[in-house]
């Protein structure tokens, strides 16, 4: 009679688990790409309504004045900014470095409000600038062709051309089995 086999012991540290350890540094409260996207959206909105909004907004002294300005001059886009951002709009407009010309004012206000109060206006502008710098630093080029080294049944061994054998033209199937080196399993 054959001996009974024991079950394999349970591993102490399994390989396929996620680490519960928090990454280094202070935890992020905001998502930078989300803030940058919101700032770009605010820039488009403010560009559209600025001619009617700015005269009312320039006279605003209280949060109620800001809410009224967005209701009257911001048309349907006012709901995006008020009532939650009314106090923040006043704070940004009172900053010492608030620009004098129209386009920089729009950009300054949009970037400052993009964090929606989860970060200070100055930090919100810094996040937007960092995200735009990351985008500009990416290469403008795109991959237009990829090649594989193939061994075909026709006998050809060498680089593929346009995902096919150079000799007979048979295409490379894009299944995981071929990529993992198990061509007989598909």
N, C-alpha and C. Protein backbone atom coordinates (compact mmCIF):
# COMPACT_ATOMS: atom_id res chain seq x y z
N UNK A 1 0.84 -1.16 0.00
CA UNK A 1 0.00 0.00 0.00
C UNK A 1 0.89 1.24 0.00
N UNK A 2 0.48 2.24 -0.80
CA UNK A 2 1.29 3.45 -0.94
C UNK A 2 1.09 4.37 0.26
N UNK A 3 2.15 5.09 0.54
CA UNK A 3 2.11 6.04 1.65
C UNK A 3 1.25 7.25 1.29
N UNK A 4 0.50 7.77 2.25
CA UNK A 4 -0.29 8.97 2.01
C UNK A 4 0.63 10.18 1.98
N UNK A 5 0.38 11.06 1.01
CA UNK A 5 1.19 12.26 0.90
C UNK A 5 0.58 13.36 1.77
N UNK A 6 1.47 14.14 2.37
CA UNK A 6 1.00 15.26 3.18
C UNK A 6 0.71 16.45 2.26
N UNK A 7 -0.22 17.26 2.67
CA UNK A 7 -0.53 18.49 1.92
C UNK A 7 0.63 19.45 2.07
N UNK A 8 0.87 20.21 1.01
CA UNK A 8 1.95 21.19 1.06
C UNK A 8 1.63 22.26 2.10
N UNK A 9 2.63 22.67 2.86
CA UNK A 9 2.36 23.70 3.87
C UNK A 9 1.99 25.02 3.20
N UNK A 10 1.14 25.77 3.89
CA UNK A 10 0.72 27.06 3.36
C UNK A 10 1.90 28.02 3.43
N UNK A 11 2.20 28.72 2.32
CA UNK A 11 3.36 29.62 2.34
C UNK A 11 3.14 30.80 3.30
N UNK A 12 4.22 31.19 3.93
CA UNK A 12 4.15 32.30 4.88
C UNK A 12 3.94 33.62 4.15
N UNK A 13 4.69 33.84 3.08
CA UNK A 13 4.58 35.06 2.29
C UNK A 13 4.20 34.71 0.86
N UNK A 14 2.91 34.64 0.55
CA UNK A 14 2.52 34.31 -0.82
C UNK A 14 3.00 35.40 -1.79
N UNK A 15 3.30 34.98 -3.01
CA UNK A 15 3.88 35.89 -3.99
C UNK A 15 2.86 36.80 -4.66
N UNK A 16 1.61 36.41 -4.68
CA UNK A 16 0.62 37.16 -5.45
C UNK A 16 -0.27 38.06 -4.59
N UNK A 17 0.22 38.55 -3.49
CA UNK A 17 -0.59 39.46 -2.68
C UNK A 17 -0.08 40.88 -2.84
N UNK A 18 -0.94 41.82 -2.53
CA UNK A 18 -0.56 43.21 -2.58
C UNK A 18 0.03 43.64 -1.25
N UNK A 19 0.97 44.52 -1.30
CA UNK A 19 1.59 45.02 -0.08
C UNK A 19 0.62 45.99 0.59
N UNK A 20 0.43 45.79 1.88
CA UNK A 20 -0.45 46.69 2.62
C UNK A 20 0.33 47.89 3.14
N UNK A 21 1.63 47.88 2.92
CA UNK A 21 2.47 48.96 3.40
C UNK A 21 2.23 50.21 2.55
N UNK A 22 2.02 51.31 3.22
CA UNK A 22 1.78 52.58 2.56
C UNK A 22 3.07 53.09 1.95
N UNK A 23 3.00 53.73 0.76
CA UNK A 23 4.22 54.28 0.16
C UNK A 23 4.78 55.42 1.01
N UNK A 24 6.03 55.76 0.74
CA UNK A 24 6.70 56.81 1.50
C UNK A 24 6.08 58.17 1.23
N UNK A 25 6.25 59.07 2.17
CA UNK A 25 5.80 60.44 1.98
C UNK A 25 4.40 60.69 2.49
N UNK A 26 4.01 61.93 2.42
CA UNK A 26 2.69 62.33 2.87
C UNK A 26 1.64 61.83 1.88
N UNK A 27 0.52 61.27 2.37
CA UNK A 27 -0.51 60.80 1.45
C UNK A 27 -1.11 61.96 0.65
N UNK A 28 -1.40 61.71 -0.61
CA UNK A 28 -1.98 62.74 -1.48
C UNK A 28 -3.44 62.92 -1.17
N UNK A 29 -3.88 64.18 -1.14
CA UNK A 29 -5.29 64.48 -0.94
C UNK A 29 -5.98 64.76 -2.26
N UNK A 30 -5.20 65.10 -3.27
CA UNK A 30 -5.77 65.49 -4.56
C UNK A 30 -5.06 64.73 -5.68
N UNK A 31 -5.76 64.56 -6.79
CA UNK A 31 -5.20 63.92 -7.96
C UNK A 31 -4.75 65.01 -8.94
N UNK A 32 -3.44 65.13 -9.20
CA UNK A 32 -2.95 66.22 -10.04
C UNK A 32 -3.54 66.26 -11.45
N UNK A 33 -3.71 65.10 -12.07
CA UNK A 33 -4.25 65.11 -13.43
C UNK A 33 -5.72 65.56 -13.44
N UNK A 34 -6.43 65.26 -12.37
CA UNK A 34 -7.82 65.70 -12.26
C UNK A 34 -7.89 67.22 -12.10
N UNK A 35 -6.99 67.77 -11.32
CA UNK A 35 -6.95 69.22 -11.11
C UNK A 35 -6.61 69.92 -12.42
N UNK A 36 -5.65 69.39 -13.15
CA UNK A 36 -5.25 70.02 -14.41
C UNK A 36 -6.40 69.97 -15.42
N UNK A 37 -7.10 68.84 -15.48
CA UNK A 37 -8.23 68.72 -16.40
C UNK A 37 -9.34 69.70 -16.03
N UNK A 38 -9.60 69.84 -14.73
CA UNK A 38 -10.62 70.78 -14.29
C UNK A 38 -10.20 72.21 -14.61
N UNK A 39 -8.91 72.53 -14.45
CA UNK A 39 -8.42 73.87 -14.76
C UNK A 39 -8.60 74.17 -16.24
N UNK A 40 -8.32 73.20 -17.10
CA UNK A 40 -8.52 73.41 -18.54
C UNK A 40 -9.99 73.64 -18.86
N UNK A 41 -10.87 72.91 -18.18
CA UNK A 41 -12.30 73.10 -18.38
C UNK A 41 -12.73 74.49 -17.91
N UNK A 42 -12.24 74.91 -16.75
CA UNK A 42 -12.56 76.25 -16.24
C UNK A 42 -12.05 77.34 -17.18
N UNK A 43 -10.89 77.12 -17.77
CA UNK A 43 -10.36 78.11 -18.72
C UNK A 43 -11.32 78.28 -19.91
N UNK A 44 -11.82 77.17 -20.44
CA UNK A 44 -12.76 77.24 -21.57
C UNK A 44 -14.05 77.94 -21.16
N UNK A 45 -14.57 77.60 -19.98
CA UNK A 45 -15.81 78.21 -19.52
C UNK A 45 -15.64 79.71 -19.33
N UNK A 46 -14.57 80.09 -18.62
CA UNK A 46 -14.36 81.52 -18.34
C UNK A 46 -14.09 82.31 -19.61
N UNK A 47 -13.43 81.72 -20.59
CA UNK A 47 -13.23 82.41 -21.87
C UNK A 47 -14.55 82.73 -22.54
N UNK A 48 -15.52 81.84 -22.41
CA UNK A 48 -16.80 82.04 -23.08
C UNK A 48 -17.64 83.13 -22.42
N UNK A 49 -17.57 83.23 -21.08
CA UNK A 49 -18.46 84.16 -20.38
C UNK A 49 -17.75 85.38 -19.80
N UNK A 50 -16.48 85.55 -20.07
CA UNK A 50 -15.69 86.59 -19.42
C UNK A 50 -16.19 88.01 -19.71
N UNK A 51 -16.61 88.27 -20.92
CA UNK A 51 -17.03 89.63 -21.27
C UNK A 51 -18.23 90.09 -20.45
N UNK A 52 -19.14 89.20 -20.13
CA UNK A 52 -20.28 89.59 -19.31
C UNK A 52 -20.03 89.37 -17.82
N UNK A 53 -19.15 88.46 -17.49
CA UNK A 53 -18.90 88.12 -16.08
C UNK A 53 -17.97 89.12 -15.40
N UNK A 54 -16.89 89.52 -16.07
CA UNK A 54 -15.87 90.31 -15.40
C UNK A 54 -16.35 91.66 -14.86
N UNK A 55 -17.15 92.44 -15.59
CA UNK A 55 -17.60 93.71 -15.00
C UNK A 55 -18.36 93.51 -13.69
N UNK A 56 -19.14 92.45 -13.59
CA UNK A 56 -19.89 92.17 -12.36
C UNK A 56 -18.97 91.63 -11.27
N UNK A 57 -18.02 90.81 -11.68
CA UNK A 57 -17.10 90.19 -10.73
C UNK A 57 -16.12 91.20 -10.16
N UNK A 58 -15.73 92.18 -10.95
CA UNK A 58 -14.77 93.19 -10.50
C UNK A 58 -15.36 94.05 -9.38
N UNK A 59 -16.68 94.20 -9.36
CA UNK A 59 -17.35 95.01 -8.34
C UNK A 59 -17.67 94.22 -7.08
N UNK A 60 -17.52 92.93 -7.11
CA UNK A 60 -17.92 92.07 -5.99
C UNK A 60 -17.06 92.31 -4.76
N UNK A 61 -17.73 92.46 -3.60
CA UNK A 61 -17.05 92.66 -2.33
C UNK A 61 -17.35 91.53 -1.35
N UNK A 62 -18.46 90.83 -1.55
CA UNK A 62 -18.85 89.75 -0.65
C UNK A 62 -19.14 88.49 -1.47
N UNK A 63 -19.34 87.40 -0.74
CA UNK A 63 -19.67 86.15 -1.42
C UNK A 63 -21.00 86.24 -2.14
N UNK A 64 -21.94 86.96 -1.57
CA UNK A 64 -23.24 87.14 -2.23
C UNK A 64 -23.09 87.88 -3.55
N UNK A 65 -22.18 88.86 -3.59
CA UNK A 65 -21.92 89.59 -4.84
C UNK A 65 -21.32 88.66 -5.89
N UNK A 66 -20.46 87.76 -5.47
CA UNK A 66 -19.85 86.80 -6.40
C UNK A 66 -20.91 85.86 -6.94
N UNK A 67 -21.79 85.39 -6.06
CA UNK A 67 -22.87 84.49 -6.48
C UNK A 67 -23.79 85.21 -7.47
N UNK A 68 -24.12 86.46 -7.18
CA UNK A 68 -24.97 87.23 -8.08
C UNK A 68 -24.28 87.45 -9.43
N UNK A 69 -22.97 87.72 -9.40
CA UNK A 69 -22.22 87.94 -10.64
C UNK A 69 -22.24 86.70 -11.51
N UNK A 70 -22.04 85.53 -10.92
CA UNK A 70 -22.07 84.30 -11.70
C UNK A 70 -23.47 83.96 -12.17
N UNK A 71 -24.48 84.29 -11.38
CA UNK A 71 -25.86 84.06 -11.82
C UNK A 71 -26.21 84.91 -13.03
N UNK A 72 -25.81 86.18 -13.00
CA UNK A 72 -26.16 87.10 -14.08
C UNK A 72 -25.21 87.01 -15.27
N UNK A 73 -23.93 86.97 -15.01
CA UNK A 73 -22.95 87.02 -16.10
C UNK A 73 -22.42 85.67 -16.53
N UNK A 74 -22.57 84.65 -15.69
CA UNK A 74 -22.01 83.34 -16.02
C UNK A 74 -22.99 82.42 -16.70
N UNK A 75 -24.18 82.89 -16.96
CA UNK A 75 -25.26 82.13 -17.60
C UNK A 75 -25.37 80.73 -17.01
N UNK A 76 -25.39 79.72 -17.82
CA UNK A 76 -25.62 78.36 -17.33
C UNK A 76 -24.38 77.75 -16.68
N UNK A 77 -23.23 78.36 -16.87
CA UNK A 77 -22.01 77.80 -16.29
C UNK A 77 -21.83 78.19 -14.82
N UNK A 78 -22.65 79.07 -14.33
CA UNK A 78 -22.52 79.55 -12.96
C UNK A 78 -22.59 78.46 -11.92
N UNK A 79 -23.36 77.42 -12.20
CA UNK A 79 -23.51 76.32 -11.24
C UNK A 79 -22.20 75.58 -10.99
N UNK A 80 -21.28 75.67 -11.92
CA UNK A 80 -19.98 75.03 -11.77
C UNK A 80 -19.15 75.71 -10.68
N UNK A 81 -19.36 77.00 -10.48
CA UNK A 81 -18.53 77.78 -9.57
C UNK A 81 -19.21 78.15 -8.26
N UNK A 82 -20.52 78.32 -8.28
CA UNK A 82 -21.20 78.79 -7.08
C UNK A 82 -22.16 77.74 -6.57
N UNK A 83 -22.49 77.76 -5.31
CA UNK A 83 -22.04 78.61 -4.22
C UNK A 83 -20.74 78.13 -3.56
N UNK A 84 -20.28 76.94 -3.93
CA UNK A 84 -19.13 76.34 -3.25
C UNK A 84 -17.85 77.15 -3.38
N UNK A 85 -17.61 77.76 -4.52
CA UNK A 85 -16.34 78.44 -4.75
C UNK A 85 -16.41 79.96 -4.62
N UNK A 86 -17.51 80.49 -4.12
CA UNK A 86 -17.67 81.94 -4.04
C UNK A 86 -16.61 82.58 -3.16
N UNK A 87 -16.36 82.02 -2.00
CA UNK A 87 -15.35 82.56 -1.10
C UNK A 87 -13.95 82.44 -1.68
N UNK A 88 -13.70 81.34 -2.38
CA UNK A 88 -12.40 81.12 -2.99
C UNK A 88 -12.16 82.10 -4.14
N UNK A 89 -13.22 82.42 -4.88
CA UNK A 89 -13.09 83.40 -5.98
C UNK A 89 -12.68 84.74 -5.41
N UNK A 90 -13.31 85.16 -4.32
CA UNK A 90 -12.94 86.43 -3.69
C UNK A 90 -11.50 86.42 -3.21
N UNK A 91 -11.10 85.32 -2.59
CA UNK A 91 -9.72 85.21 -2.09
C UNK A 91 -8.70 85.32 -3.23
N UNK A 92 -8.98 84.66 -4.34
CA UNK A 92 -8.06 84.69 -5.48
C UNK A 92 -8.02 86.09 -6.09
N UNK A 93 -9.17 86.74 -6.21
CA UNK A 93 -9.20 88.07 -6.81
C UNK A 93 -8.50 89.11 -5.94
N UNK A 94 -8.40 88.86 -4.64
CA UNK A 94 -7.74 89.80 -3.73
C UNK A 94 -6.24 89.55 -3.60
N UNK A 95 -5.74 88.52 -4.26
CA UNK A 95 -4.31 88.24 -4.19
C UNK A 95 -3.53 89.39 -4.79
N UNK A 96 -2.37 89.64 -4.22
CA UNK A 96 -1.52 90.74 -4.66
C UNK A 96 -1.07 90.55 -6.10
N UNK A 97 -0.87 89.31 -6.53
CA UNK A 97 -0.34 89.04 -7.87
C UNK A 97 -1.43 88.75 -8.90
N UNK A 98 -2.67 89.14 -8.61
CA UNK A 98 -3.76 88.92 -9.57
C UNK A 98 -3.46 89.74 -10.82
N UNK A 99 -3.45 89.12 -12.00
CA UNK A 99 -3.04 89.80 -13.24
C UNK A 99 -3.96 90.95 -13.64
N UNK A 100 -3.44 91.79 -14.50
CA UNK A 100 -4.18 92.96 -14.98
C UNK A 100 -4.88 92.71 -16.32
N UNK A 101 -4.29 91.87 -17.18
CA UNK A 101 -4.86 91.65 -18.51
C UNK A 101 -5.85 90.48 -18.49
N UNK A 102 -6.69 90.43 -19.50
CA UNK A 102 -7.80 89.48 -19.54
C UNK A 102 -7.36 88.02 -19.58
N UNK A 103 -6.54 87.65 -20.54
CA UNK A 103 -6.17 86.24 -20.69
C UNK A 103 -5.42 85.71 -19.46
N UNK A 104 -4.43 86.44 -18.94
CA UNK A 104 -3.79 85.94 -17.72
C UNK A 104 -4.73 85.87 -16.52
N UNK A 105 -5.69 86.79 -16.45
CA UNK A 105 -6.67 86.74 -15.36
C UNK A 105 -7.49 85.47 -15.43
N UNK A 106 -7.95 85.14 -16.63
CA UNK A 106 -8.76 83.93 -16.80
C UNK A 106 -7.95 82.70 -16.41
N UNK A 107 -6.72 82.62 -16.89
CA UNK A 107 -5.88 81.46 -16.58
C UNK A 107 -5.56 81.38 -15.09
N UNK A 108 -5.26 82.52 -14.48
CA UNK A 108 -4.93 82.58 -13.06
C UNK A 108 -6.12 82.11 -12.23
N UNK A 109 -7.30 82.62 -12.53
CA UNK A 109 -8.50 82.27 -11.79
C UNK A 109 -8.85 80.80 -11.99
N UNK A 110 -8.78 80.31 -13.22
CA UNK A 110 -9.12 78.92 -13.50
C UNK A 110 -8.16 77.96 -12.79
N UNK A 111 -6.87 78.23 -12.87
CA UNK A 111 -5.89 77.35 -12.22
C UNK A 111 -6.00 77.40 -10.71
N UNK A 112 -6.34 78.55 -10.15
CA UNK A 112 -6.46 78.70 -8.71
C UNK A 112 -7.69 77.97 -8.17
N UNK A 113 -8.76 77.95 -8.92
CA UNK A 113 -10.01 77.33 -8.47
C UNK A 113 -10.08 75.84 -8.75
N UNK A 114 -9.16 75.31 -9.54
CA UNK A 114 -9.26 73.92 -10.00
C UNK A 114 -9.22 72.89 -8.88
N UNK A 115 -8.56 73.17 -7.78
CA UNK A 115 -8.51 72.21 -6.67
C UNK A 115 -9.79 72.24 -5.84
N UNK A 116 -10.66 73.20 -6.10
CA UNK A 116 -11.95 73.35 -5.44
C UNK A 116 -11.83 73.40 -3.92
N UNK A 117 -10.75 74.01 -3.41
CA UNK A 117 -10.60 74.18 -1.97
C UNK A 117 -9.87 73.05 -1.27
N UNK A 118 -9.59 71.94 -1.96
CA UNK A 118 -8.86 70.84 -1.32
C UNK A 118 -7.38 71.15 -1.22
N UNK A 119 -6.93 72.16 -1.95
CA UNK A 119 -5.56 72.69 -1.85
C UNK A 119 -5.66 74.20 -1.93
N UNK A 120 -4.69 74.87 -1.39
CA UNK A 120 -4.67 76.33 -1.47
C UNK A 120 -4.56 76.77 -2.92
N UNK A 121 -5.04 77.98 -3.25
CA UNK A 121 -4.98 78.45 -4.64
C UNK A 121 -3.57 78.43 -5.23
N UNK A 122 -2.58 78.82 -4.43
CA UNK A 122 -1.19 78.83 -4.92
C UNK A 122 -0.74 77.41 -5.27
N UNK A 123 -1.06 76.45 -4.41
CA UNK A 123 -0.69 75.06 -4.66
C UNK A 123 -1.43 74.52 -5.87
N UNK A 124 -2.66 74.92 -6.05
CA UNK A 124 -3.44 74.49 -7.22
C UNK A 124 -2.78 74.98 -8.51
N UNK A 125 -2.30 76.22 -8.51
CA UNK A 125 -1.61 76.75 -9.70
C UNK A 125 -0.31 75.98 -9.95
N UNK A 126 0.40 75.66 -8.87
CA UNK A 126 1.65 74.89 -9.01
C UNK A 126 1.39 73.50 -9.58
N UNK A 127 0.33 72.86 -9.12
CA UNK A 127 -0.02 71.52 -9.62
C UNK A 127 -0.32 71.60 -11.11
N UNK A 128 -1.10 72.60 -11.52
CA UNK A 128 -1.45 72.76 -12.93
C UNK A 128 -0.18 72.99 -13.77
N UNK A 129 0.71 73.82 -13.27
CA UNK A 129 1.95 74.10 -14.01
C UNK A 129 2.81 72.84 -14.13
N UNK A 130 2.90 72.06 -13.06
CA UNK A 130 3.68 70.81 -13.10
C UNK A 130 3.10 69.82 -14.09
N UNK A 131 1.78 69.69 -14.10
CA UNK A 131 1.13 68.75 -15.01
C UNK A 131 1.30 69.19 -16.47
N UNK A 132 1.22 70.48 -16.72
CA UNK A 132 1.43 70.97 -18.09
C UNK A 132 2.88 70.76 -18.52
N UNK A 133 3.83 70.93 -17.59
CA UNK A 133 5.24 70.69 -17.91
C UNK A 133 5.48 69.22 -18.23
N UNK A 134 4.83 68.33 -17.49
CA UNK A 134 4.96 66.89 -17.77
C UNK A 134 4.45 66.57 -19.17
N UNK A 135 3.31 67.16 -19.53
CA UNK A 135 2.72 66.90 -20.84
C UNK A 135 3.63 67.41 -21.96
N UNK A 136 4.22 68.59 -21.76
CA UNK A 136 5.09 69.15 -22.79
C UNK A 136 6.40 68.40 -22.91
N UNK A 137 6.85 67.76 -21.82
CA UNK A 137 8.12 67.05 -21.86
C UNK A 137 8.02 65.69 -22.56
N UNK A 138 6.80 65.21 -22.76
CA UNK A 138 6.63 63.94 -23.47
C UNK A 138 7.01 64.11 -24.93
N UNK A 139 7.49 63.04 -25.49
CA UNK A 139 7.92 63.08 -26.88
C UNK A 139 6.71 63.26 -27.81
N UNK A 140 6.85 64.10 -28.81
CA UNK A 140 5.74 64.28 -29.74
C UNK A 140 5.63 63.13 -30.74
N UNK A 141 6.61 62.25 -30.76
CA UNK A 141 6.63 61.16 -31.72
C UNK A 141 5.81 59.97 -31.23
N UNK A 142 5.31 59.21 -32.17
CA UNK A 142 4.53 58.01 -31.87
C UNK A 142 5.13 56.84 -32.63
N UNK A 143 4.97 55.65 -32.06
CA UNK A 143 5.47 54.45 -32.73
C UNK A 143 4.54 54.14 -33.89
N UNK A 144 5.10 54.03 -35.07
CA UNK A 144 4.27 53.77 -36.25
C UNK A 144 4.44 52.34 -36.75
N UNK A 145 5.41 51.62 -36.20
CA UNK A 145 5.62 50.24 -36.64
C UNK A 145 6.32 49.48 -35.54
N UNK A 146 5.88 48.23 -35.28
CA UNK A 146 6.55 47.37 -34.33
C UNK A 146 6.91 46.08 -35.04
N UNK A 147 7.98 45.46 -34.59
CA UNK A 147 8.42 44.24 -35.26
C UNK A 147 8.73 43.17 -34.23
N UNK A 148 8.54 41.93 -34.65
CA UNK A 148 8.87 40.77 -33.85
C UNK A 148 9.91 39.94 -34.61
N UNK A 149 10.68 39.17 -33.85
CA UNK A 149 11.55 38.19 -34.45
C UNK A 149 10.72 36.91 -34.53
N UNK A 150 10.58 36.34 -35.73
CA UNK A 150 9.70 35.19 -35.91
C UNK A 150 10.45 33.98 -36.45
N UNK A 151 9.90 32.84 -36.15
CA UNK A 151 10.31 31.58 -36.78
C UNK A 151 9.04 31.01 -37.38
N UNK A 152 8.96 31.01 -38.70
CA UNK A 152 7.74 30.61 -39.40
C UNK A 152 7.83 29.15 -39.83
N UNK A 153 6.68 28.51 -40.07
CA UNK A 153 6.64 27.14 -40.56
C UNK A 153 7.19 27.01 -41.97
N UNK A 154 7.23 28.12 -42.71
CA UNK A 154 7.77 28.08 -44.07
C UNK A 154 9.30 28.01 -44.05
N UNK A 155 9.90 28.15 -42.87
CA UNK A 155 11.35 28.05 -42.76
C UNK A 155 12.04 29.37 -42.53
N UNK A 156 11.30 30.46 -42.62
CA UNK A 156 11.91 31.79 -42.45
C UNK A 156 12.18 32.03 -40.97
N UNK A 157 13.38 32.52 -40.67
CA UNK A 157 13.75 32.94 -39.33
C UNK A 157 14.32 34.34 -39.44
N UNK A 158 13.72 35.29 -38.74
CA UNK A 158 14.20 36.66 -38.79
C UNK A 158 13.14 37.63 -38.34
N UNK A 159 13.40 38.91 -38.54
CA UNK A 159 12.42 39.91 -38.09
C UNK A 159 11.15 39.88 -38.95
N UNK A 160 10.02 40.09 -38.28
CA UNK A 160 8.74 40.14 -38.99
C UNK A 160 8.56 41.53 -39.60
N UNK A 161 7.70 41.60 -40.59
CA UNK A 161 7.38 42.89 -41.20
C UNK A 161 5.88 43.08 -41.13
N UNK A 162 5.45 44.15 -40.47
CA UNK A 162 4.03 44.46 -40.31
C UNK A 162 3.26 43.30 -39.70
N UNK A 163 3.79 42.71 -38.64
CA UNK A 163 3.18 41.60 -37.91
C UNK A 163 2.93 40.38 -38.79
N UNK A 164 3.81 40.13 -39.74
CA UNK A 164 3.67 38.98 -40.62
C UNK A 164 5.05 38.47 -41.02
N UNK A 165 5.09 37.24 -41.48
CA UNK A 165 6.32 36.65 -41.98
C UNK A 165 6.74 37.36 -43.26
N UNK A 166 8.02 37.66 -43.39
CA UNK A 166 8.49 38.37 -44.58
C UNK A 166 8.47 37.47 -45.81
N UNK A 167 8.58 36.17 -45.62
CA UNK A 167 8.67 35.26 -46.75
C UNK A 167 7.28 34.87 -47.29
N UNK A 168 6.42 34.36 -46.40
CA UNK A 168 5.12 33.88 -46.88
C UNK A 168 3.95 34.79 -46.55
N UNK A 169 4.14 35.75 -45.63
CA UNK A 169 3.08 36.69 -45.31
C UNK A 169 2.10 36.24 -44.25
N UNK A 170 2.35 35.06 -43.63
CA UNK A 170 1.41 34.62 -42.60
C UNK A 170 1.50 35.56 -41.40
N UNK A 171 0.34 35.94 -40.88
CA UNK A 171 0.27 36.93 -39.81
C UNK A 171 0.57 36.32 -38.45
N UNK A 172 1.07 37.15 -37.56
CA UNK A 172 1.36 36.72 -36.18
C UNK A 172 0.07 36.82 -35.39
N UNK A 173 -0.42 35.70 -34.82
CA UNK A 173 -1.61 35.80 -33.98
C UNK A 173 -1.26 36.52 -32.68
N UNK A 174 -2.11 37.43 -32.27
CA UNK A 174 -1.82 38.20 -31.07
C UNK A 174 -2.50 37.60 -29.85
N UNK A 175 -2.22 36.34 -29.59
CA UNK A 175 -2.74 35.70 -28.39
C UNK A 175 -1.63 35.65 -27.35
N UNK A 176 -2.00 35.50 -26.12
CA UNK A 176 -1.01 35.48 -25.05
C UNK A 176 -0.11 34.26 -25.14
N UNK A 177 -0.63 33.16 -25.71
CA UNK A 177 0.19 31.95 -25.79
C UNK A 177 1.41 32.17 -26.68
N UNK A 178 1.26 32.87 -27.75
CA UNK A 178 2.39 33.11 -28.64
C UNK A 178 3.38 34.05 -27.96
N UNK A 179 2.86 35.06 -27.29
CA UNK A 179 3.75 35.99 -26.62
C UNK A 179 4.52 35.34 -25.49
N UNK A 180 3.92 34.32 -24.86
CA UNK A 180 4.59 33.64 -23.76
C UNK A 180 5.45 32.49 -24.25
N UNK A 181 5.47 32.24 -25.54
CA UNK A 181 6.34 31.20 -26.08
C UNK A 181 5.71 29.82 -26.13
N UNK A 182 4.39 29.72 -26.10
CA UNK A 182 3.71 28.44 -26.20
C UNK A 182 2.86 28.39 -27.46
N UNK A 183 3.47 28.35 -28.64
CA UNK A 183 2.70 28.47 -29.88
C UNK A 183 1.77 27.29 -30.12
N UNK A 184 1.99 26.15 -29.52
CA UNK A 184 1.15 24.98 -29.78
C UNK A 184 -0.13 24.97 -29.00
N UNK A 185 -0.35 25.88 -28.07
CA UNK A 185 -1.51 25.82 -27.20
C UNK A 185 -2.69 26.64 -27.67
N UNK A 186 -2.60 27.34 -28.77
CA UNK A 186 -3.75 28.14 -29.19
C UNK A 186 -4.44 27.40 -30.25
